[in-house]
Amino acid sequence: MSATRRKFLACVGLAALAAGVTAAWRRRRAVSDWLLAKSLPPAPPGPLALTTEETLVAAVTGLLDARVETGHHLEAFRWRARHVAGARALYERFERAMDEAARRAGHAAFRAAPPAVRRRLLARLAAPRGWAGRARRAFLAREDARFARFIVRDIFRRFARTDAFVLAGYDAWPGMPRALARLEPHGPRS
């Protein structure tokens, strides 16, 4: 009797596993989107608060360097907040999370922390190493995954298309007229 019960339970387990794999395969895009935090939760777009803008600029200077121009990064964040559903809410959650982390580190706010502290606080948003780090981010640190995907990655992509060219020695980045790039408030650069 127990041998048939074992066979029955093995067959039921195998059928359940097959059903689960089939369901996951059919919904692989939704599962992938959920695991990788590919989409923003729905929220109304709108203008950014001044403190949120300052936090995003502090993140740009913390991730890159104080020598980069932050104006085009800030304009991109403002545009996304006004036009992309969920972006403003994400930026506000980022501000709250970074301010909380800065308070735990002994500073009043993230934007008021020294650059070394900002870099250390933003280091947790770097790409996780190993399968354990990826699993932790996928299941436990979902907000960090969204911050890394929609803020940190956006900063580095914009840097690669703009400020990296200037730091490499070019007068301007592609698409920017070089004559305008040479203009300064006191006249053209030589």
Protein backbone atom coordinates (compact mmCIF):
# COMPACT_ATOMS: atom_id res chain seq x y z
CA MET A 1 0.00 0.00 0.00
CA SER A 2 2.79 2.47 0.87
CA ALA A 3 4.56 1.84 -2.44
CA THR A 4 1.47 2.92 -4.37
CA ARG A 5 1.02 5.94 -2.10
CA ARG A 6 4.63 6.94 -2.81
CA LYS A 7 4.06 6.55 -6.53
CA PHE A 8 0.87 8.59 -6.29
CA LEU A 9 2.59 11.41 -4.36
CA ALA A 10 5.53 11.35 -6.78
CA CYS A 11 3.16 11.63 -9.74
CA VAL A 12 1.22 14.47 -8.08
CA GLY A 13 4.47 16.28 -7.26
CA LEU A 14 5.76 15.83 -10.78
CA ALA A 15 2.46 17.07 -12.24
CA ALA A 16 2.52 20.13 -9.94
CA LEU A 17 6.11 20.88 -10.92
CA ALA A 18 5.25 20.53 -14.61
CA ALA A 19 2.23 22.81 -14.19
CA GLY A 20 4.33 25.39 -12.37
CA VAL A 21 7.06 25.34 -15.01
CA THR A 22 4.47 25.61 -17.79
CA ALA A 23 2.72 28.54 -16.09
CA ALA A 24 6.05 30.30 -15.49
CA TRP A 25 7.06 29.72 -19.11
CA ARG A 26 3.81 31.18 -20.41
CA ARG A 27 4.13 34.18 -18.12
CA ARG A 28 7.92 34.51 -18.42
CA ARG A 29 7.76 38.15 -19.42
CA ALA A 30 5.66 39.09 -16.39
CA VAL A 31 7.90 37.04 -14.10
CA SER A 32 11.00 38.65 -15.61
CA ASP A 33 9.49 42.11 -15.24
CA TRP A 34 8.68 41.39 -11.60
CA LEU A 35 12.09 39.90 -10.76
CA LEU A 36 14.07 42.65 -12.48
CA ALA A 37 11.76 45.53 -11.41
CA LYS A 38 11.46 46.59 -15.05
CA SER A 39 8.38 48.77 -14.69
CA LEU A 40 7.41 51.67 -12.49
CA PRO A 41 4.34 51.33 -10.29
CA PRO A 42 1.55 53.57 -11.59
CA ALA A 43 1.48 57.03 -10.02
CA PRO A 44 0.53 60.45 -11.39
CA PRO A 45 3.27 62.52 -13.03
CA GLY A 46 4.00 66.03 -11.84
CA PRO A 47 6.72 68.55 -11.05
CA LEU A 48 9.56 67.68 -8.70
CA ALA A 49 9.98 69.32 -5.31
CA LEU A 50 13.13 71.40 -4.81
CA THR A 51 14.49 69.00 -2.19
CA THR A 52 14.00 66.06 -4.56
CA GLU A 53 15.87 67.92 -7.30
CA GLU A 54 18.72 68.67 -4.88
CA THR A 55 18.88 65.00 -3.86
CA LEU A 56 19.04 63.88 -7.50
CA VAL A 57 21.81 66.40 -8.24
CA ALA A 58 23.66 65.17 -5.15
CA ALA A 59 23.32 61.61 -6.49
CA VAL A 60 24.76 62.70 -9.85
CA THR A 61 27.77 64.37 -8.22
CA GLY A 62 28.14 61.49 -5.77
CA LEU A 63 28.18 58.86 -8.51
CA LEU A 64 30.25 60.74 -11.06
CA ASP A 65 32.33 63.67 -9.94
CA ALA A 66 31.92 67.29 -8.95
CA ARG A 67 33.39 68.34 -12.32
CA VAL A 68 30.42 67.19 -14.41
CA GLU A 69 27.62 69.46 -15.50
CA THR A 70 24.43 68.55 -13.67
CA GLY A 71 22.00 70.74 -15.61
CA HIS A 72 21.18 68.25 -18.37
CA HIS A 73 20.80 65.43 -15.81
CA LEU A 74 18.37 67.56 -13.80
CA GLU A 75 16.41 68.52 -16.91
CA ALA A 76 16.03 64.84 -17.83
CA PHE A 77 14.79 64.03 -14.31
CA ARG A 78 12.33 66.95 -14.44
CA TRP A 79 11.02 65.85 -17.84
CA ARG A 80 10.54 62.25 -16.71
CA ALA A 81 8.77 63.37 -13.52
CA ARG A 82 6.37 65.56 -15.53
CA HIS A 83 5.68 63.06 -18.34
CA VAL A 84 6.30 59.48 -17.18
CA ALA A 85 3.76 57.90 -14.84
CA GLY A 86 5.46 56.71 -11.67
CA ALA A 87 8.75 58.57 -12.16
CA ARG A 88 8.02 61.41 -9.74
CA ALA A 89 6.94 58.95 -7.04
CA LEU A 90 10.12 56.94 -7.62
CA TYR A 91 12.28 60.06 -7.25
CA GLU A 92 10.48 61.01 -4.05
CA ARG A 93 10.97 57.49 -2.63
CA PHE A 94 14.64 57.74 -3.60
CA GLU A 95 14.92 61.02 -1.72
CA ARG A 96 13.31 59.50 1.40
CA ALA A 97 15.49 56.39 1.25
CA MET A 98 18.73 58.33 0.78
CA ASP A 99 17.82 60.83 3.52
CA GLU A 100 17.07 57.97 5.90
CA ALA A 101 20.39 56.31 5.06
CA ALA A 102 22.19 59.64 5.59
CA ARG A 103 20.49 60.10 8.97
CA ARG A 104 21.65 56.62 10.00
CA ALA A 105 25.17 57.69 8.96
CA GLY A 106 24.89 60.80 11.16
CA HIS A 107 24.05 63.53 8.63
CA ALA A 108 20.99 65.76 8.38
CA ALA A 109 20.14 64.80 4.79
CA PHE A 110 21.70 63.08 1.80
CA ARG A 111 22.16 66.33 -0.11
CA ALA A 112 23.98 67.86 2.90
CA ALA A 113 26.35 64.92 3.38
CA PRO A 114 29.98 65.11 2.21
CA PRO A 115 30.78 63.57 -1.19
CA ALA A 116 32.58 60.57 0.34
CA VAL A 117 29.50 59.72 2.41
CA ARG A 118 27.25 60.10 -0.64
CA ARG A 119 29.44 57.70 -2.60
CA ARG A 120 29.34 55.18 0.23
CA LEU A 121 25.54 55.43 0.51
CA LEU A 122 25.10 55.06 -3.25
CA ALA A 123 27.42 52.04 -3.37
CA ARG A 124 24.57 49.79 -2.26
CA LEU A 125 22.84 50.55 -5.56
CA ALA A 126 25.75 49.16 -7.59
CA ALA A 127 25.23 45.94 -9.51
CA PRO A 128 25.09 43.01 -7.07
CA ARG A 129 27.85 40.43 -7.24
CA GLY A 130 27.13 36.72 -7.35
CA TRP A 131 23.89 34.80 -7.31
CA ALA A 132 23.21 35.57 -3.64
CA GLY A 133 23.40 39.33 -4.25
CA ARG A 134 21.14 39.13 -7.28
CA ALA A 135 18.61 36.97 -5.39
CA ARG A 136 18.66 39.37 -2.42
CA ARG A 137 17.98 42.33 -4.68
CA ALA A 138 15.28 40.50 -6.65
CA PHE A 139 13.32 39.37 -3.60
CA LEU A 140 14.25 41.60 -0.65
CA ALA A 141 15.56 44.92 -1.97
CA ARG A 142 13.01 45.67 -4.67
CA GLU A 143 13.23 49.45 -4.21
CA ASP A 144 17.02 49.32 -4.53
CA ALA A 145 16.55 47.45 -7.81
CA ARG A 146 14.21 50.17 -9.07
CA PHE A 147 16.59 52.93 -7.92
CA ALA A 148 19.49 51.18 -9.66
CA ARG A 149 17.52 50.65 -12.86
CA PHE A 150 15.73 53.99 -13.23
CA ILE A 151 18.10 56.45 -11.52
CA VAL A 152 21.66 55.13 -11.32
CA ARG A 153 21.66 53.50 -14.75
CA ASP A 154 20.08 56.63 -16.24
CA ILE A 155 22.82 58.80 -14.71
CA PHE A 156 25.60 56.62 -16.12
CA ARG A 157 23.98 56.38 -19.57
CA ARG A 158 23.56 60.13 -19.77
CA PHE A 159 27.14 60.62 -18.58
CA ALA A 160 28.44 58.27 -21.29
CA ARG A 161 26.60 60.28 -23.96
CA THR A 162 27.54 63.73 -22.67
CA ASP A 163 30.09 64.57 -19.97
CA ALA A 164 32.41 61.67 -20.79
CA PHE A 165 33.22 63.36 -24.10
CA VAL A 166 34.11 66.63 -22.36
CA LEU A 167 36.29 64.84 -19.81
CA ALA A 168 38.01 63.00 -22.68
CA GLY A 169 39.07 66.36 -24.14
CA TYR A 170 36.37 67.26 -26.64
CA ASP A 171 34.87 70.75 -26.58
CA ALA A 172 31.32 69.38 -26.46
CA TRP A 173 29.39 66.15 -26.61
CA PRO A 174 27.82 64.87 -29.84
CA GLY A 175 24.87 66.92 -30.94
CA MET A 176 26.00 70.10 -29.20
CA PRO A 177 27.36 72.87 -31.46
CA ARG A 178 31.05 73.31 -30.65
CA ALA A 179 30.95 77.08 -31.11
CA LEU A 180 28.29 77.33 -28.41
CA ALA A 181 30.31 75.05 -26.15
CA ARG A 182 33.26 77.45 -26.37
CA LEU A 183 31.17 80.39 -25.21
CA GLU A 184 31.53 81.40 -21.60
CA PRO A 185 30.03 84.31 -19.68
CA HIS A 186 33.21 86.38 -20.26
CA GLY A 187 33.66 85.50 -23.92
CA PRO A 188 34.87 82.53 -25.94
CA ARG A 189 37.42 80.05 -24.61
CA SER A 190 40.72 79.92 -26.39
